[in-house]
């Protein structure tokens, strides 16, 4: 028997677990780092690039490793 499929709702829950605090921290951080006159769309793009990088290479690999047994139940 091969590896069990991960349920979509569990995948979504892990993404939310990582995404919500990441967005909160990045919003605060960029509020301090970016000049006030930074265009909104540029600020959103920079935040999205940073968020995707943090989620893809730091948080999601760790979370999915730590939660693997729960994800595959």
PDB file of N, CA and C in Angstrom:
ATOM      1  N   UNK A   1       0.847  -1.181   0.000  1.00  0.00           N
ATOM      2  CA  UNK A   1       0.000   0.000   0.000  1.00  0.00           C
ATOM      3  C   UNK A   1       0.890   1.242   0.000  1.00  0.00           C
ATOM      4  N   UNK A   2       0.635   2.185  -0.901  1.00  0.00           N
ATOM      5  CA  UNK A   2       1.419   3.407  -1.018  1.00  0.00           C
ATOM      6  C   UNK A   2       1.024   4.442   0.019  1.00  0.00           C
ATOM      7  N   UNK A   3       1.671   5.594  -0.041  1.00  0.00           N
ATOM      8  CA  UNK A   3       1.338   6.650   0.904  1.00  0.00           C
ATOM      9  C   UNK A   3      -0.099   7.130   0.734  1.00  0.00           C
ATOM     10  N   UNK A   4      -0.734   7.443   1.856  1.00  0.00           N
ATOM     11  CA  UNK A   4      -2.128   7.901   1.807  1.00  0.00           C
ATOM     12  C   UNK A   4      -2.190   9.325   1.296  1.00  0.00           C
ATOM     13  N   UNK A   5      -3.264   9.624   0.583  1.00  0.00           N
ATOM     14  CA  UNK A   5      -3.499  10.976   0.100  1.00  0.00           C
ATOM     15  C   UNK A   5      -3.823  11.900   1.264  1.00  0.00           C
ATOM     16  N   UNK A   6      -3.326  13.119   1.179  1.00  0.00           N
ATOM     17  CA  UNK A   6      -3.628  14.124   2.192  1.00  0.00           C
ATOM     18  C   UNK A   6      -4.958  14.783   1.827  1.00  0.00           C
ATOM     19  N   UNK A   7      -5.831  14.899   2.813  1.00  0.00           N
ATOM     20  CA  UNK A   7      -7.125  15.543   2.570  1.00  0.00           C
ATOM     21  C   UNK A   7      -6.927  17.026   2.322  1.00  0.00           C
ATOM     22  N   UNK A   8      -7.714  17.562   1.405  1.00  0.00           N
ATOM     23  CA  UNK A   8      -7.583  18.967   1.025  1.00  0.00           C
ATOM     24  C   UNK A   8      -7.801  19.895   2.211  1.00  0.00           C
ATOM     25  N   UNK A   9      -8.748  19.570   3.090  1.00  0.00           N
ATOM     26  CA  UNK A   9      -9.012  20.465   4.214  1.00  0.00           C
ATOM     27  C   UNK A   9      -7.827  20.508   5.170  1.00  0.00           C
ATOM     28  N   UNK A  10      -7.082  19.401   5.267  1.00  0.00           N
ATOM     29  CA  UNK A  10      -5.903  19.393   6.119  1.00  0.00           C
ATOM     30  C   UNK A  10      -4.784  20.217   5.485  1.00  0.00           C
ATOM     31  N   UNK A  11      -4.639  20.108   4.170  1.00  0.00           N
ATOM     32  CA  UNK A  11      -3.658  20.940   3.477  1.00  0.00           C
ATOM     33  C   UNK A  11      -3.981  22.415   3.688  1.00  0.00           C
ATOM     34  N   UNK A  12      -5.254  22.766   3.535  1.00  0.00           N
ATOM     35  CA  UNK A  12      -5.670  24.151   3.707  1.00  0.00           C
ATOM     36  C   UNK A  12      -5.416  24.621   5.138  1.00  0.00           C
ATOM     37  N   UNK A  13      -5.659  23.767   6.123  1.00  0.00           N
ATOM     38  CA  UNK A  13      -5.439  24.136   7.520  1.00  0.00           C
ATOM     39  C   UNK A  13      -3.960  24.416   7.798  1.00  0.00           C
ATOM     40  N   UNK A  14      -3.076  23.612   7.233  1.00  0.00           N
ATOM     41  CA  UNK A  14      -1.637  23.823   7.443  1.00  0.00           C
ATOM     42  C   UNK A  14      -1.190  25.108   6.744  1.00  0.00           C
ATOM     43  N   UNK A  15      -1.692  25.357   5.547  1.00  0.00           N
ATOM     44  CA  UNK A  15      -1.363  26.609   4.849  1.00  0.00           C
ATOM     45  C   UNK A  15      -1.825  27.808   5.674  1.00  0.00           C
ATOM     46  N   UNK A  16      -3.034  27.760   6.200  1.00  0.00           N
ATOM     47  CA  UNK A  16      -3.542  28.866   7.023  1.00  0.00           C
ATOM     48  C   UNK A  16      -2.702  29.021   8.288  1.00  0.00           C
ATOM     49  N   UNK A  17      -2.315  27.911   8.901  1.00  0.00           N
ATOM     50  CA  UNK A  17      -1.481  27.945  10.093  1.00  0.00           C
ATOM     51  C   UNK A  17      -0.162  28.677   9.821  1.00  0.00           C
ATOM     52  N   UNK A  18       0.388  28.511   8.630  1.00  0.00           N
ATOM     53  CA  UNK A  18       1.642  29.179   8.272  1.00  0.00           C
ATOM     54  C   UNK A  18       1.408  30.589   7.725  1.00  0.00           C
ATOM     55  N   UNK A  19       0.350  30.752   6.944  1.00  0.00           N
ATOM     56  CA  UNK A  19       0.132  32.009   6.233  1.00  0.00           C
ATOM     57  C   UNK A  19      -0.280  33.151   7.153  1.00  0.00           C
ATOM     58  N   UNK A  20      -1.196  32.900   8.061  1.00  0.00           N
ATOM     59  CA  UNK A  20      -1.743  33.972   8.906  1.00  0.00           C
ATOM     60  C   UNK A  20      -0.654  34.692   9.709  1.00  0.00           C
ATOM     61  N   UNK A  21       0.161  33.979  10.490  1.00  0.00           N
ATOM     62  CA  UNK A  21       1.203  34.708  11.230  1.00  0.00           C
ATOM     63  C   UNK A  21       2.256  35.334  10.320  1.00  0.00           C
ATOM     64  N   UNK A  22       2.528  34.697   9.179  1.00  0.00           N
ATOM     65  CA  UNK A  22       3.502  35.255   8.243  1.00  0.00           C
ATOM     66  C   UNK A  22       3.030  36.609   7.729  1.00  0.00           C
ATOM     67  N   UNK A  23       1.781  36.696   7.334  1.00  0.00           N
ATOM     68  CA  UNK A  23       1.229  37.954   6.832  1.00  0.00           C
ATOM     69  C   UNK A  23       1.236  39.025   7.921  1.00  0.00           C
ATOM     70  N   UNK A  24       0.862  38.647   9.136  1.00  0.00           N
ATOM     71  CA  UNK A  24       0.864  39.615  10.239  1.00  0.00           C
ATOM     72  C   UNK A  24       2.267  40.177  10.488  1.00  0.00           C
ATOM     73  N   UNK A  25       3.245  39.297  10.553  1.00  0.00           N
ATOM     74  CA  UNK A  25       4.627  39.737  10.806  1.00  0.00           C
ATOM     75  C   UNK A  25       5.144  40.577   9.650  1.00  0.00           C
ATOM     76  N   UNK A  26       4.908  40.150   8.422  1.00  0.00           N
ATOM     77  CA  UNK A  26       5.399  40.914   7.273  1.00  0.00           C
ATOM     78  C   UNK A  26       4.746  42.284   7.185  1.00  0.00           C
ATOM     79  N   UNK A  27       3.464  42.377   7.486  1.00  0.00           N
ATOM     80  CA  UNK A  27       2.796  43.684   7.465  1.00  0.00           C
ATOM     81  C   UNK A  27       3.433  44.637   8.467  1.00  0.00           C
ATOM     82  N   UNK A  28       3.709  44.149   9.665  1.00  0.00           N
ATOM     83  CA  UNK A  28       4.364  44.991  10.669  1.00  0.00           C
ATOM     84  C   UNK A  28       5.778  45.367  10.232  1.00  0.00           C
ATOM     85  N   UNK A  29       6.525  44.374   9.754  1.00  0.00           N
ATOM     86  CA  UNK A  29       7.905  44.600   9.360  1.00  0.00           C
ATOM     87  C   UNK A  29       8.004  45.599   8.211  1.00  0.00           C
ATOM     88  N   UNK A  30       7.184  45.406   7.196  1.00  0.00           N
ATOM     89  CA  UNK A  30       7.242  46.312   6.049  1.00  0.00           C
ATOM     90  C   UNK A  30       6.676  47.686   6.376  1.00  0.00           C
ATOM     91  N   UNK A  31       5.817  47.758   7.379  1.00  0.00           N
ATOM     92  CA  UNK A  31       5.356  49.061   7.847  1.00  0.00           C
ATOM     93  C   UNK A  31       6.511  49.899   8.373  1.00  0.00           C
ATOM     94  N   UNK A  32       7.505  49.238   8.956  1.00  0.00           N
ATOM     95  CA  UNK A  32       8.686  49.931   9.467  1.00  0.00           C
ATOM     96  C   UNK A  32       9.739  50.144   8.379  1.00  0.00           C
ATOM     97  N   UNK A  33       9.881  49.173   7.473  1.00  0.00           N
ATOM     98  CA  UNK A  33      10.989  49.210   6.512  1.00  0.00           C
ATOM     99  C   UNK A  33      10.703  50.002   5.242  1.00  0.00           C
ATOM    100  N   UNK A  34       9.485  49.928   4.750  1.00  0.00           N
ATOM    101  CA  UNK A  34       9.170  50.604   3.486  1.00  0.00           C
ATOM    102  C   UNK A  34       8.810  52.063   3.739  1.00  0.00           C
ATOM    103  N   UNK A  35       9.264  52.939   2.862  1.00  0.00           N
ATOM    104  CA  UNK A  35       8.869  54.345   3.005  1.00  0.00           C
ATOM    105  C   UNK A  35       7.351  54.497   2.908  1.00  0.00           C
ATOM    106  N   UNK A  36       6.821  55.495   3.583  1.00  0.00           N
ATOM    107  CA  UNK A  36       5.373  55.707   3.593  1.00  0.00           C
ATOM    108  C   UNK A  36       4.795  55.971   2.210  1.00  0.00           C
ATOM    109  N   UNK A  37       5.607  56.507   1.314  1.00  0.00           N
ATOM    110  CA  UNK A  37       5.090  56.833  -0.016  1.00  0.00           C
ATOM    111  C   UNK A  37       5.254  55.681  -1.010  1.00  0.00           C
ATOM    112  N   UNK A  38       5.574  54.484  -0.526  1.00  0.00           N
ATOM    113  CA  UNK A  38       5.661  53.311  -1.406  1.00  0.00           C
ATOM    114  C   UNK A  38       4.277  53.044  -1.988  1.00  0.00           C
ATOM    115  N   UNK A  39       4.174  52.947  -3.304  1.00  0.00           N
ATOM    116  CA  UNK A  39       2.864  52.650  -3.904  1.00  0.00           C
ATOM    117  C   UNK A  39       2.281  51.349  -3.344  1.00  0.00           C
ATOM    118  N   UNK A  40       0.988  51.361  -3.125  1.00  0.00           N
ATOM    119  CA  UNK A  40       0.297  50.227  -2.512  1.00  0.00           C
ATOM    120  C   UNK A  40       0.555  48.923  -3.264  1.00  0.00           C
ATOM    121  N   UNK A  41       0.402  48.950  -4.584  1.00  0.00           N
ATOM    122  CA  UNK A  41       0.573  47.719  -5.363  1.00  0.00           C
ATOM    123  C   UNK A  41       1.997  47.183  -5.272  1.00  0.00           C
ATOM    124  N   UNK A  42       2.974  48.077  -5.217  1.00  0.00           N
ATOM    125  CA  UNK A  42       4.360  47.643  -5.058  1.00  0.00           C
ATOM    126  C   UNK A  42       4.576  47.028  -3.679  1.00  0.00           C
ATOM    127  N   UNK A  43       4.015  47.639  -2.644  1.00  0.00           N
ATOM    128  CA  UNK A  43       4.137  47.098  -1.290  1.00  0.00           C
ATOM    129  C   UNK A  43       3.497  45.705  -1.193  1.00  0.00           C
ATOM    130  N   UNK A  44       2.348  45.535  -1.832  1.00  0.00           N
ATOM    131  CA  UNK A  44       1.680  44.227  -1.838  1.00  0.00           C
ATOM    132  C   UNK A  44       2.534  43.207  -2.584  1.00  0.00           C
ATOM    133  N   UNK A  45       3.106  43.594  -3.712  1.00  0.00           N
ATOM    134  CA  UNK A  45       3.965  42.687  -4.475  1.00  0.00           C
ATOM    135  C   UNK A  45       5.179  42.262  -3.651  1.00  0.00           C
ATOM    136  N   UNK A  46       5.831  43.212  -3.001  1.00  0.00           N
ATOM    137  CA  UNK A  46       6.993  42.897  -2.177  1.00  0.00           C
ATOM    138  C   UNK A  46       6.593  41.954  -1.038  1.00  0.00           C
ATOM    139  N   UNK A  47       5.465  42.237  -0.409  1.00  0.00           N
ATOM    140  CA  UNK A  47       4.979  41.368   0.666  1.00  0.00           C
ATOM    141  C   UNK A  47       4.663  39.969   0.179  1.00  0.00           C
ATOM    142  N   UNK A  48       4.059  39.868  -1.000  1.00  0.00           N
ATOM    143  CA  UNK A  48       3.731  38.551  -1.549  1.00  0.00           C
ATOM    144  C   UNK A  48       4.985  37.768  -1.916  1.00  0.00           C
ATOM    145  N   UNK A  49       5.971  38.445  -2.478  1.00  0.00           N
ATOM    146  CA  UNK A  49       7.230  37.767  -2.813  1.00  0.00           C
ATOM    147  C   UNK A  49       7.889  37.230  -1.547  1.00  0.00           C
ATOM    148  N   UNK A  50       7.955  38.070  -0.515  1.00  0.00           N
ATOM    149  CA  UNK A  50       8.560  37.639   0.753  1.00  0.00           C
ATOM    150  C   UNK A  50       7.747  36.505   1.384  1.00  0.00           C
ATOM    151  N   UNK A  51       6.428  36.627   1.366  1.00  0.00           N
ATOM    152  CA  UNK A  51       5.572  35.595   1.951  1.00  0.00           C
ATOM    153  C   UNK A  51       5.705  34.260   1.256  1.00  0.00           C
ATOM    154  N   UNK A  52       5.718  34.274  -0.064  1.00  0.00           N
ATOM    155  CA  UNK A  52       5.857  33.021  -0.823  1.00  0.00           C
ATOM    156  C   UNK A  52       7.215  32.381  -0.534  1.00  0.00           C
ATOM    157  N   UNK A  53       8.260  33.189  -0.485  1.00  0.00           N
ATOM    158  CA  UNK A  53       9.590  32.648  -0.198  1.00  0.00           C
ATOM    159  C   UNK A  53       9.638  32.029   1.199  1.00  0.00           C
ATOM    160  N   UNK A  54       9.110  32.741   2.187  1.00  0.00           N
ATOM    161  CA  UNK A  54       9.122  32.237   3.567  1.00  0.00           C
ATOM    162  C   UNK A  54       8.299  30.958   3.684  1.00  0.00           C
ATOM    163  N   UNK A  55       7.124  30.951   3.066  1.00  0.00           N
ATOM    164  CA  UNK A  55       6.278  29.762   3.134  1.00  0.00           C
ATOM    165  C   UNK A  55       6.902  28.581   2.396  1.00  0.00           C
ATOM    166  N   UNK A  56       7.413  28.836   1.190  1.00  0.00           N
ATOM    167  CA  UNK A  56       7.916  27.746   0.347  1.00  0.00           C
ATOM    168  C   UNK A  56       9.186  27.103   0.883  1.00  0.00           C
ATOM    169  N   UNK A  57      10.111  27.918   1.367  1.00  0.00           N
ATOM    170  CA  UNK A  57      11.422  27.376   1.718  1.00  0.00           C
ATOM    171  C   UNK A  57      11.673  27.236   3.207  1.00  0.00           C
ATOM    172  N   UNK A  58      10.833  27.861   4.035  1.00  0.00           N
ATOM    173  CA  UNK A  58      11.084  27.788   5.476  1.00  0.00           C
ATOM    174  C   UNK A  58       9.938  27.092   6.212  1.00  0.00           C
ATOM    175  N   UNK A  59       8.745  27.676   6.159  1.00  0.00           N
ATOM    176  CA  UNK A  59       7.661  27.205   7.025  1.00  0.00           C
ATOM    177  C   UNK A  59       6.981  25.923   6.558  1.00  0.00           C
ATOM    178  N   UNK A  60       6.567  25.856   5.301  1.00  0.00           N
ATOM    179  CA  UNK A  60       5.809  24.686   4.861  1.00  0.00           C
ATOM    180  C   UNK A  60       6.609  23.381   4.923  1.00  0.00           C
ATOM    181  N   UNK A  61       7.886  23.371   4.534  1.00  0.00           N
ATOM    182  CA  UNK A  61       8.619  22.104   4.681  1.00  0.00           C
ATOM    183  C   UNK A  61       8.683  21.635   6.141  1.00  0.00           C
ATOM    184  N   UNK A  62       8.876  22.569   7.072  1.00  0.00           N
ATOM    185  CA  UNK A  62       8.938  22.187   8.480  1.00  0.00           C
ATOM    186  C   UNK A  62       7.571  21.736   8.991  1.00  0.00           C
ATOM    187  N   UNK A  63       6.539  22.517   8.698  1.00  0.00           N
ATOM    188  CA  UNK A  63       5.203  22.170   9.179  1.00  0.00           C
ATOM    189  C   UNK A  63       4.719  20.836   8.625  1.00  0.00           C
ATOM    190  N   UNK A  64       4.918  20.609   7.345  1.00  0.00           N
ATOM    191  CA  UNK A  64       4.461  19.343   6.773  1.00  0.00           C
ATOM    192  C   UNK A  64       5.254  18.166   7.331  1.00  0.00           C
ATOM    193  N   UNK A  65       6.527  18.392   7.659  1.00  0.00           N
ATOM    194  CA  UNK A  65       7.316  17.336   8.301  1.00  0.00           C
ATOM    195  C   UNK A  65       6.813  17.047   9.707  1.00  0.00           C
ATOM    196  N   UNK A  66       6.579  18.102  10.478  1.00  0.00           N
ATOM    197  CA  UNK A  66       6.104  17.928  11.858  1.00  0.00           C
ATOM    198  C   UNK A  66       4.700  17.336  11.920  1.00  0.00           C
ATOM    199  N   UNK A  67       3.856  17.687  10.935  1.00  0.00           N
ATOM    200  CA  UNK A  67       2.454  17.271  10.953  1.00  0.00           C
ATOM    201  C   UNK A  67       2.163  16.101  10.012  1.00  0.00           C
ATOM    202  N   UNK A  68       3.194  15.451   9.513  1.00  0.00           N
ATOM    203  CA  UNK A  68       3.020  14.404   8.502  1.00  0.00           C
ATOM    204  C   UNK A  68       2.071  13.296   8.948  1.00  0.00           C
ATOM    205  N   UNK A  69       2.224  12.813  10.172  1.00  0.00           N
ATOM    206  CA  UNK A  69       1.353  11.717  10.632  1.00  0.00           C
ATOM    207  C   UNK A  69      -0.111  12.150  10.648  1.00  0.00           C
ATOM    208  N   UNK A  70      -0.360  13.364  11.131  1.00  0.00           N
ATOM    209  CA  UNK A  70      -1.740  13.874  11.162  1.00  0.00           C
ATOM    210  C   UNK A  70      -2.262  14.092   9.738  1.00  0.00           C
ATOM    211  N   UNK A  71      -1.432  14.636   8.877  1.00  0.00           N
ATOM    212  CA  UNK A  71      -1.864  14.903   7.507  1.00  0.00           C
ATOM    213  C   UNK A  71      -2.266  13.625   6.779  1.00  0.00           C
ATOM    214  N   UNK A  72      -1.579  12.533   7.025  1.00  0.00           N
ATOM    215  CA  UNK A  72      -1.824  11.295   6.282  1.00  0.00           C
ATOM    216  C   UNK A  72      -2.837  10.370   6.952  1.00  0.00           C
ATOM    217  N   UNK A  73      -3.410  10.778   8.076  1.00  0.00           N
ATOM    218  CA  UNK A  73      -4.450   9.965   8.720  1.00  0.00           C
ATOM    219  C   UNK A  73      -5.745  10.100   7.989  1.00  0.00           C
TER     220      UNK A  73
END
